[in-house]
Amino acid sequence: VISILKVIELIQKLYPDIHVVNLGYPEVVVFHKKPAPITKKTRIVQYGKIFFVCIISFFGAAFTIMTYNNDVGVNDLFSYLYSLFMGYPPEGNTVLQLGYAIGLAIGLLFFFNHVARHRLSDEPTPLEVEMRLYERDVNDATAISSGRNKKTLDV
């Protein structure tokens, strides 16, 4: 963690006539880590992790949607609406259920902003937003804890 005052001090040593105004955070977190060599084993482990996260996300989302539909009573609602408009109870699946399933899939694609490898817009996905917030929280926690431990590079 480097204090912005240290950065300003170093800039003013090089350029004494310059006026520096900080517009950001008072500390900067710098991570330096040598990249590990990419081997076949590490690549397989990375793909395994990605596959595991995808499977957990897929089944978690499916379970969430199913429990929501069960809690709300979507099947009962569709049966009631079908009976209301058609005059007789439905036998099997209906157009309402088909439309709901297709609309849900399209809604998820738009929400996650990806169809296969193509982005639908330039906006970040919800996962990218959450990762940025997580990185900011980690940097803030690192800066605070380094200040407590007197490990900040300061003036």
N, C-alpha and C. Protein backbone atom coordinates (compact mmCIF):
# COMPACT_ATOMS: atom_id res chain seq x y z
N VAL A 1 0.86 -1.17 0.00
CA VAL A 1 0.00 0.00 0.00
C VAL A 1 0.90 1.22 0.00
N ILE A 2 0.63 2.13 -0.92
CA ILE A 2 1.42 3.36 -1.06
C ILE A 2 0.50 4.54 -0.84
N SER A 3 0.87 5.43 0.04
CA SER A 3 0.10 6.63 0.30
C SER A 3 0.22 7.58 -0.89
N ILE A 4 -0.85 8.28 -1.20
CA ILE A 4 -0.82 9.23 -2.30
C ILE A 4 0.13 10.39 -1.99
N LEU A 5 0.33 10.66 -0.70
CA LEU A 5 1.26 11.72 -0.32
C LEU A 5 2.69 11.36 -0.73
N LYS A 6 3.04 10.06 -0.63
CA LYS A 6 4.36 9.62 -1.08
C LYS A 6 4.50 9.79 -2.59
N VAL A 7 3.43 9.48 -3.34
CA VAL A 7 3.45 9.64 -4.79
C VAL A 7 3.62 11.12 -5.15
N ILE A 8 2.88 11.99 -4.45
CA ILE A 8 2.99 13.43 -4.71
C ILE A 8 4.39 13.93 -4.38
N GLU A 9 4.96 13.43 -3.28
CA GLU A 9 6.32 13.82 -2.91
C GLU A 9 7.32 13.45 -4.00
N LEU A 10 7.20 12.22 -4.53
CA LEU A 10 8.12 11.78 -5.58
C LEU A 10 7.93 12.57 -6.87
N ILE A 11 6.71 12.91 -7.20
CA ILE A 11 6.44 13.72 -8.40
C ILE A 11 7.05 15.11 -8.22
N GLN A 12 6.89 15.70 -7.03
CA GLN A 12 7.42 17.04 -6.82
C GLN A 12 8.94 17.08 -6.73
N LYS A 13 9.58 15.95 -6.42
CA LYS A 13 11.04 15.89 -6.48
C LYS A 13 11.51 15.99 -7.93
N LEU A 14 10.77 15.33 -8.83
CA LEU A 14 11.13 15.38 -10.25
C LEU A 14 10.73 16.71 -10.90
N TYR A 15 9.57 17.22 -10.53
CA TYR A 15 9.04 18.45 -11.11
C TYR A 15 8.64 19.40 -9.98
N PRO A 16 9.58 20.19 -9.45
CA PRO A 16 9.30 21.02 -8.27
C PRO A 16 8.26 22.13 -8.51
N ASP A 17 8.07 22.57 -9.74
CA ASP A 17 7.15 23.67 -9.99
C ASP A 17 5.72 23.21 -10.28
N ILE A 18 5.47 21.93 -10.20
CA ILE A 18 4.14 21.41 -10.56
C ILE A 18 3.23 21.38 -9.33
N HIS A 19 1.95 21.58 -9.56
CA HIS A 19 0.95 21.52 -8.50
C HIS A 19 0.12 20.25 -8.72
N VAL A 20 0.11 19.33 -7.75
CA VAL A 20 -0.58 18.05 -7.88
C VAL A 20 -1.81 18.05 -6.98
N VAL A 21 -2.93 17.64 -7.55
CA VAL A 21 -4.18 17.52 -6.79
C VAL A 21 -4.66 16.08 -6.92
N ASN A 22 -4.88 15.45 -5.78
CA ASN A 22 -5.37 14.07 -5.77
C ASN A 22 -6.89 14.08 -5.90
N LEU A 23 -7.40 13.31 -6.85
CA LEU A 23 -8.84 13.20 -7.06
C LEU A 23 -9.37 11.81 -6.70
N GLY A 24 -8.48 10.93 -6.29
CA GLY A 24 -8.89 9.55 -6.01
C GLY A 24 -8.71 9.18 -4.56
N TYR A 25 -8.45 7.91 -4.36
CA TYR A 25 -8.29 7.36 -3.01
C TYR A 25 -6.99 7.84 -2.39
N PRO A 26 -6.91 7.89 -1.06
CA PRO A 26 -5.67 8.35 -0.40
C PRO A 26 -4.56 7.30 -0.40
N GLU A 27 -4.90 6.04 -0.69
CA GLU A 27 -3.88 4.99 -0.79
C GLU A 27 -4.05 4.23 -2.09
N VAL A 28 -2.95 3.68 -2.55
CA VAL A 28 -2.95 2.86 -3.74
C VAL A 28 -2.44 1.48 -3.35
N VAL A 29 -3.17 0.45 -3.76
CA VAL A 29 -2.76 -0.91 -3.47
C VAL A 29 -2.06 -1.46 -4.71
N VAL A 30 -0.82 -1.91 -4.54
CA VAL A 30 -0.04 -2.45 -5.64
C VAL A 30 0.27 -3.92 -5.34
N PHE A 31 -0.15 -4.78 -6.24
CA PHE A 31 0.14 -6.21 -6.10
C PHE A 31 1.16 -6.58 -7.16
N HIS A 32 2.19 -7.26 -6.73
CA HIS A 32 3.18 -7.76 -7.68
C HIS A 32 3.34 -9.25 -7.44
N LYS A 33 2.98 -10.01 -8.44
CA LYS A 33 3.06 -11.45 -8.31
C LYS A 33 3.61 -12.00 -9.62
N LYS A 34 4.65 -12.81 -9.50
CA LYS A 34 5.20 -13.42 -10.70
C LYS A 34 4.22 -14.44 -11.25
N PRO A 35 3.95 -14.38 -12.53
CA PRO A 35 3.02 -15.36 -13.09
C PRO A 35 3.62 -16.76 -13.06
N ALA A 36 2.78 -17.70 -12.68
CA ALA A 36 3.23 -19.10 -12.65
C ALA A 36 3.30 -19.62 -14.08
N PRO A 37 4.25 -20.49 -14.36
CA PRO A 37 4.33 -21.04 -15.71
C PRO A 37 3.09 -21.88 -16.02
N ILE A 38 2.58 -21.71 -17.22
CA ILE A 38 1.38 -22.44 -17.63
C ILE A 38 1.80 -23.81 -18.15
N THR A 39 1.38 -24.82 -17.42
CA THR A 39 1.66 -26.18 -17.83
C THR A 39 0.34 -26.86 -18.19
N LYS A 40 0.44 -28.06 -18.69
CA LYS A 40 -0.76 -28.80 -19.05
C LYS A 40 -1.61 -29.09 -17.81
N LYS A 41 -0.94 -29.37 -16.70
CA LYS A 41 -1.65 -29.67 -15.46
C LYS A 41 -2.41 -28.44 -14.95
N THR A 42 -1.76 -27.25 -14.96
CA THR A 42 -2.45 -26.05 -14.48
C THR A 42 -3.60 -25.68 -15.41
N ARG A 43 -3.44 -25.90 -16.68
CA ARG A 43 -4.52 -25.62 -17.63
C ARG A 43 -5.72 -26.54 -17.38
N ILE A 44 -5.46 -27.81 -17.10
CA ILE A 44 -6.54 -28.76 -16.81
C ILE A 44 -7.25 -28.37 -15.50
N VAL A 45 -6.46 -27.95 -14.51
CA VAL A 45 -7.05 -27.52 -13.23
C VAL A 45 -7.92 -26.29 -13.45
N GLN A 46 -7.46 -25.33 -14.25
CA GLN A 46 -8.24 -24.12 -14.51
C GLN A 46 -9.55 -24.46 -15.23
N TYR A 47 -9.49 -25.31 -16.24
CA TYR A 47 -10.70 -25.72 -16.95
C TYR A 47 -11.64 -26.49 -16.02
N GLY A 48 -11.09 -27.27 -15.12
CA GLY A 48 -11.90 -27.98 -14.14
C GLY A 48 -12.64 -27.02 -13.22
N LYS A 49 -11.93 -25.98 -12.76
CA LYS A 49 -12.56 -24.97 -11.92
C LYS A 49 -13.68 -24.24 -12.66
N ILE A 50 -13.41 -23.87 -13.90
CA ILE A 50 -14.42 -23.18 -14.71
C ILE A 50 -15.64 -24.07 -14.91
N PHE A 51 -15.42 -25.34 -15.21
CA PHE A 51 -16.51 -26.28 -15.41
C PHE A 51 -17.33 -26.43 -14.12
N PHE A 52 -16.64 -26.54 -12.99
CA PHE A 52 -17.31 -26.69 -11.69
C PHE A 52 -18.18 -25.47 -11.39
N VAL A 53 -17.65 -24.27 -11.61
CA VAL A 53 -18.42 -23.05 -11.35
C VAL A 53 -19.63 -22.96 -12.28
N CYS A 54 -19.45 -23.35 -13.54
CA CYS A 54 -20.56 -23.33 -14.50
C CYS A 54 -21.66 -24.30 -14.08
N ILE A 55 -21.29 -25.48 -13.66
CA ILE A 55 -22.28 -26.48 -13.23
C ILE A 55 -23.02 -26.00 -12.00
N ILE A 56 -22.29 -25.49 -11.01
CA ILE A 56 -22.92 -24.98 -9.79
C ILE A 56 -23.86 -23.81 -10.12
N SER A 57 -23.42 -22.90 -10.98
CA SER A 57 -24.26 -21.75 -11.36
C SER A 57 -25.51 -22.21 -12.10
N PHE A 58 -25.35 -23.15 -13.03
CA PHE A 58 -26.49 -23.63 -13.81
C PHE A 58 -27.54 -24.28 -12.91
N PHE A 59 -27.11 -25.23 -12.08
CA PHE A 59 -28.07 -25.92 -11.24
C PHE A 59 -28.61 -25.02 -10.13
N GLY A 60 -27.79 -24.09 -9.64
CA GLY A 60 -28.28 -23.13 -8.65
C GLY A 60 -29.35 -22.22 -9.22
N ALA A 61 -29.12 -21.72 -10.44
CA ALA A 61 -30.12 -20.87 -11.09
C ALA A 61 -31.38 -21.66 -11.39
N ALA A 62 -31.23 -22.88 -11.87
CA ALA A 62 -32.40 -23.71 -12.17
C ALA A 62 -33.20 -23.99 -10.91
N PHE A 63 -32.53 -24.30 -9.82
CA PHE A 63 -33.21 -24.57 -8.56
C PHE A 63 -33.93 -23.32 -8.06
N THR A 64 -33.27 -22.17 -8.18
CA THR A 64 -33.86 -20.91 -7.74
C THR A 64 -35.13 -20.60 -8.52
N ILE A 65 -35.07 -20.76 -9.83
CA ILE A 65 -36.24 -20.49 -10.67
C ILE A 65 -37.37 -21.46 -10.34
N MET A 66 -37.03 -22.73 -10.15
CA MET A 66 -38.08 -23.71 -9.84
C MET A 66 -38.73 -23.43 -8.49
N THR A 67 -37.93 -23.09 -7.47
CA THR A 67 -38.53 -22.82 -6.16
C THR A 67 -39.34 -21.54 -6.18
N TYR A 68 -38.88 -20.55 -6.93
CA TYR A 68 -39.67 -19.31 -7.07
C TYR A 68 -41.02 -19.63 -7.72
N ASN A 69 -40.99 -20.38 -8.82
CA ASN A 69 -42.23 -20.74 -9.50
C ASN A 69 -43.15 -21.55 -8.58
N ASN A 70 -42.56 -22.41 -7.75
CA ASN A 70 -43.36 -23.20 -6.82
C ASN A 70 -43.96 -22.33 -5.72
N ASP A 71 -43.14 -21.41 -5.18
CA ASP A 71 -43.63 -20.52 -4.12
C ASP A 71 -44.76 -19.62 -4.62
N VAL A 72 -44.61 -19.10 -5.82
CA VAL A 72 -45.61 -18.20 -6.38
C VAL A 72 -46.82 -18.98 -6.86
N GLY A 73 -46.63 -20.22 -7.25
CA GLY A 73 -47.72 -21.04 -7.76
C GLY A 73 -48.00 -20.75 -9.22
N VAL A 74 -46.95 -20.70 -10.04
CA VAL A 74 -47.09 -20.36 -11.45
C VAL A 74 -47.97 -21.38 -12.18
N ASN A 75 -47.81 -22.67 -11.90
CA ASN A 75 -48.64 -23.67 -12.58
C ASN A 75 -50.12 -23.49 -12.26
N ASP A 76 -50.43 -23.20 -10.99
CA ASP A 76 -51.83 -22.95 -10.62
C ASP A 76 -52.36 -21.70 -11.30
N LEU A 77 -51.53 -20.67 -11.37
CA LEU A 77 -51.93 -19.43 -12.03
C LEU A 77 -52.20 -19.68 -13.51
N PHE A 78 -51.30 -20.41 -14.18
CA PHE A 78 -51.50 -20.69 -15.60
C PHE A 78 -52.76 -21.54 -15.82
N SER A 79 -52.99 -22.51 -14.96
CA SER A 79 -54.20 -23.33 -15.08
C SER A 79 -55.45 -22.48 -14.89
N TYR A 80 -55.41 -21.59 -13.91
CA TYR A 80 -56.56 -20.72 -13.66
C TYR A 80 -56.82 -19.80 -14.86
N LEU A 81 -55.74 -19.17 -15.37
CA LEU A 81 -55.91 -18.27 -16.53
C LEU A 81 -56.41 -19.03 -17.76
N TYR A 82 -55.87 -20.22 -17.98
CA TYR A 82 -56.31 -21.03 -19.12
C TYR A 82 -57.80 -21.37 -18.99
N SER A 83 -58.20 -21.78 -17.80
CA SER A 83 -59.61 -22.11 -17.57
C SER A 83 -60.49 -20.87 -17.72
N LEU A 84 -60.00 -19.73 -17.27
CA LEU A 84 -60.76 -18.49 -17.34
C LEU A 84 -61.02 -18.08 -18.79
N PHE A 85 -59.99 -18.19 -19.64
CA PHE A 85 -60.13 -17.75 -21.02
C PHE A 85 -60.72 -18.81 -21.95
N MET A 86 -60.37 -20.07 -21.70
CA MET A 86 -60.81 -21.12 -22.61
C MET A 86 -62.14 -21.75 -22.19
N GLY A 87 -62.48 -21.65 -20.92
CA GLY A 87 -63.73 -22.20 -20.45
C GLY A 87 -63.65 -23.63 -19.97
N TYR A 88 -62.53 -24.26 -20.10
CA TYR A 88 -62.33 -25.63 -19.62
C TYR A 88 -60.89 -25.76 -19.13
N PRO A 89 -60.63 -26.70 -18.21
CA PRO A 89 -59.28 -26.83 -17.64
C PRO A 89 -58.30 -27.38 -18.69
N PRO A 90 -57.03 -27.02 -18.53
CA PRO A 90 -56.03 -27.48 -19.50
C PRO A 90 -55.73 -28.96 -19.35
N GLU A 91 -55.36 -29.56 -20.47
CA GLU A 91 -54.92 -30.96 -20.48
C GLU A 91 -53.46 -30.97 -20.95
N GLY A 92 -52.54 -31.09 -20.03
CA GLY A 92 -51.12 -31.08 -20.38
C GLY A 92 -50.56 -29.67 -20.38
N ASN A 93 -49.50 -29.48 -21.15
CA ASN A 93 -48.86 -28.17 -21.22
C ASN A 93 -49.67 -27.22 -22.09
N THR A 94 -49.54 -25.94 -21.77
CA THR A 94 -50.31 -24.93 -22.50
C THR A 94 -49.39 -23.94 -23.19
N VAL A 95 -49.98 -23.08 -23.98
CA VAL A 95 -49.23 -22.03 -24.66
C VAL A 95 -48.64 -21.06 -23.63
N LEU A 96 -49.34 -20.84 -22.53
CA LEU A 96 -48.83 -19.96 -21.48
C LEU A 96 -47.51 -20.49 -20.92
N GLN A 97 -47.44 -21.77 -20.65
CA GLN A 97 -46.21 -22.35 -20.10
C GLN A 97 -45.08 -22.30 -21.11
N LEU A 98 -45.39 -22.57 -22.37
CA LEU A 98 -44.37 -22.49 -23.42
C LEU A 98 -43.84 -21.07 -23.57
N GLY A 99 -44.74 -20.10 -23.61
CA GLY A 99 -44.33 -18.69 -23.70
C GLY A 99 -43.51 -18.26 -22.51
N TYR A 100 -43.91 -18.71 -21.32
CA TYR A 100 -43.17 -18.38 -20.10
C TYR A 100 -41.76 -18.95 -20.14
N ALA A 101 -41.63 -20.20 -20.58
CA ALA A 101 -40.32 -20.85 -20.64
C ALA A 101 -39.41 -20.14 -21.64
N ILE A 102 -39.94 -19.81 -22.82
CA ILE A 102 -39.14 -19.11 -23.83
C ILE A 102 -38.79 -17.71 -23.35
N GLY A 103 -39.74 -17.01 -22.77
CA GLY A 103 -39.48 -15.66 -22.26
C GLY A 103 -38.46 -15.66 -21.14
N LEU A 104 -38.53 -16.67 -20.28
CA LEU A 104 -37.55 -16.77 -19.19
C LEU A 104 -36.14 -16.97 -19.74
N ALA A 105 -36.01 -17.84 -20.74
CA ALA A 105 -34.68 -18.09 -21.34
C ALA A 105 -34.16 -16.82 -22.02
N ILE A 106 -35.00 -16.14 -22.77
CA ILE A 106 -34.56 -14.91 -23.45
C ILE A 106 -34.21 -13.84 -22.41
N GLY A 107 -35.00 -13.74 -21.34
CA GLY A 107 -34.72 -12.77 -20.29
C GLY A 107 -33.39 -13.03 -19.61
N LEU A 108 -33.07 -14.30 -19.37
CA LEU A 108 -31.77 -14.63 -18.77
C LEU A 108 -30.62 -14.27 -19.70
N LEU A 109 -30.79 -14.52 -20.98
CA LEU A 109 -29.73 -14.17 -21.94
C LEU A 109 -29.49 -12.66 -21.95
N PHE A 110 -30.56 -11.88 -21.95
CA PHE A 110 -30.40 -10.43 -21.94
C PHE A 110 -29.83 -9.94 -20.61
N PHE A 111 -30.25 -10.58 -19.51
CA PHE A 111 -29.75 -10.17 -18.20
C PHE A 111 -28.25 -10.41 -18.09
N PHE A 112 -27.80 -11.57 -18.54
CA PHE A 112 -26.38 -11.87 -18.44
C PHE A 112 -25.58 -11.33 -19.62
N ASN A 113 -26.26 -10.73 -20.61
CA ASN A 113 -25.62 -9.96 -21.67
C ASN A 113 -24.73 -10.81 -22.57
N HIS A 114 -25.01 -12.08 -22.70
CA HIS A 114 -24.20 -12.94 -23.56
C HIS A 114 -25.09 -13.93 -24.29
N VAL A 115 -24.81 -14.13 -25.54
CA VAL A 115 -25.38 -15.23 -26.30
C VAL A 115 -24.18 -15.91 -26.95
N ALA A 116 -23.88 -17.12 -26.50
CA ALA A 116 -22.67 -17.84 -26.92
C ALA A 116 -21.46 -16.97 -26.58
N ARG A 117 -20.67 -16.57 -27.56
CA ARG A 117 -19.48 -15.75 -27.29
C ARG A 117 -19.70 -14.28 -27.63
N HIS A 118 -20.91 -13.91 -27.95
CA HIS A 118 -21.21 -12.55 -28.39
C HIS A 118 -21.89 -11.76 -27.27
N ARG A 119 -21.41 -10.55 -27.06
CA ARG A 119 -22.03 -9.64 -26.10
C ARG A 119 -23.18 -8.94 -26.80
N LEU A 120 -24.26 -8.74 -26.07
CA LEU A 120 -25.42 -8.07 -26.65
C LEU A 120 -25.30 -6.55 -26.58
N SER A 121 -24.53 -6.04 -25.61
CA SER A 121 -24.31 -4.60 -25.49
C SER A 121 -22.94 -4.38 -24.86
N ASP A 122 -22.55 -3.12 -24.78
CA ASP A 122 -21.25 -2.79 -24.20
C ASP A 122 -21.28 -2.69 -22.68
N GLU A 123 -22.46 -2.81 -22.09
CA GLU A 123 -22.57 -2.71 -20.65
C GLU A 123 -21.94 -3.92 -19.97
N PRO A 124 -21.39 -3.73 -18.77
CA PRO A 124 -20.83 -4.88 -18.05
C PRO A 124 -21.94 -5.81 -17.58
N THR A 125 -21.61 -7.08 -17.46
CA THR A 125 -22.57 -8.05 -16.96
C THR A 125 -22.70 -7.91 -15.45
N PRO A 126 -23.76 -8.43 -14.85
CA PRO A 126 -23.88 -8.36 -13.39
C PRO A 126 -22.70 -9.01 -12.66
N LEU A 127 -22.16 -10.08 -13.22
CA LEU A 127 -21.01 -10.73 -12.61
C LEU A 127 -19.79 -9.82 -12.66
N GLU A 128 -19.58 -9.12 -13.77
CA GLU A 128 -18.45 -8.20 -13.88
C GLU A 128 -18.59 -7.05 -12.88
N VAL A 129 -19.80 -6.55 -12.70
CA VAL A 129 -20.03 -5.48 -11.72
C VAL A 129 -19.70 -5.97 -10.32
N GLU A 130 -20.18 -7.16 -9.97
CA GLU A 130 -19.91 -7.70 -8.64
C GLU A 130 -18.42 -7.96 -8.42
N MET A 131 -17.72 -8.40 -9.47
CA MET A 131 -16.28 -8.63 -9.34
C MET A 131 -15.55 -7.31 -9.10
N ARG A 132 -15.97 -6.24 -9.77
CA ARG A 132 -15.35 -4.92 -9.55
C ARG A 132 -15.60 -4.45 -8.12
N LEU A 133 -16.82 -4.64 -7.61
CA LEU A 133 -17.12 -4.26 -6.23
C LEU A 133 -16.29 -5.08 -5.25
N TYR A 134 -16.13 -6.37 -5.55
CA TYR A 134 -15.31 -7.23 -4.69
C TYR A 134 -13.86 -6.77 -4.69
N GLU A 135 -13.32 -6.45 -5.87
CA GLU A 135 -11.93 -5.97 -5.95
C GLU A 135 -11.76 -4.67 -5.18
N ARG A 136 -12.73 -3.78 -5.27
CA ARG A 136 -12.66 -2.51 -4.55
C ARG A 136 -12.69 -2.77 -3.04
N ASP A 137 -13.55 -3.68 -2.60
CA ASP A 137 -13.63 -4.00 -1.17
C ASP A 137 -12.33 -4.62 -0.67
N VAL A 138 -11.72 -5.50 -1.47
CA VAL A 138 -10.44 -6.11 -1.09
C VAL A 138 -9.36 -5.05 -0.98
N ASN A 139 -9.30 -4.13 -1.95
CA ASN A 139 -8.30 -3.06 -1.91
C ASN A 139 -8.50 -2.15 -0.70
N ASP A 140 -9.76 -1.82 -0.40
CA ASP A 140 -10.03 -0.99 0.77
C ASP A 140 -9.61 -1.69 2.05
N ALA A 141 -9.95 -2.98 2.17
CA ALA A 141 -9.58 -3.73 3.37
C ALA A 141 -8.07 -3.86 3.49
N THR A 142 -7.38 -4.06 2.37
CA THR A 142 -5.92 -4.15 2.38
C THR A 142 -5.30 -2.83 2.83
N ALA A 143 -5.82 -1.72 2.31
CA ALA A 143 -5.28 -0.40 2.69
C ALA A 143 -5.51 -0.13 4.17
N ILE A 144 -6.68 -0.47 4.67
CA ILE A 144 -6.99 -0.22 6.09
C ILE A 144 -6.11 -1.08 6.99
N SER A 145 -5.99 -2.36 6.66
CA SER A 145 -5.19 -3.24 7.52
C SER A 145 -3.70 -2.91 7.44
N SER A 146 -3.21 -2.44 6.30
CA SER A 146 -1.79 -2.08 6.22
C SER A 146 -1.51 -0.81 7.00
N GLY A 147 -2.49 0.08 7.06
CA GLY A 147 -2.32 1.28 7.87
C GLY A 147 -2.23 0.94 9.34
N ARG A 148 -3.01 -0.04 9.76
CA ARG A 148 -2.97 -0.47 11.16
C ARG A 148 -1.66 -1.17 11.50
N ASN A 149 -1.12 -1.89 10.53
CA ASN A 149 0.10 -2.66 10.76
C ASN A 149 1.36 -1.86 10.44
N LYS A 150 1.18 -0.60 10.10
CA LYS A 150 2.31 0.32 9.78
C LYS A 150 3.13 -0.22 8.60
N LYS A 151 2.47 -0.75 7.59
CA LYS A 151 3.17 -1.27 6.43
C LYS A 151 2.91 -0.40 5.20
N THR A 152 2.40 0.82 5.40
CA THR A 152 2.11 1.71 4.28
C THR A 152 3.35 2.53 3.96
N LEU A 153 3.65 2.66 2.68
CA LEU A 153 4.75 3.51 2.23
C LEU A 153 4.21 4.94 2.23
N ASP A 154 4.67 5.73 3.17
CA ASP A 154 4.12 7.05 3.39
C ASP A 154 5.26 8.07 3.48
N VAL A 155 4.90 9.37 3.51
CA VAL A 155 5.91 10.42 3.64
C VAL A 155 6.40 10.53 5.06
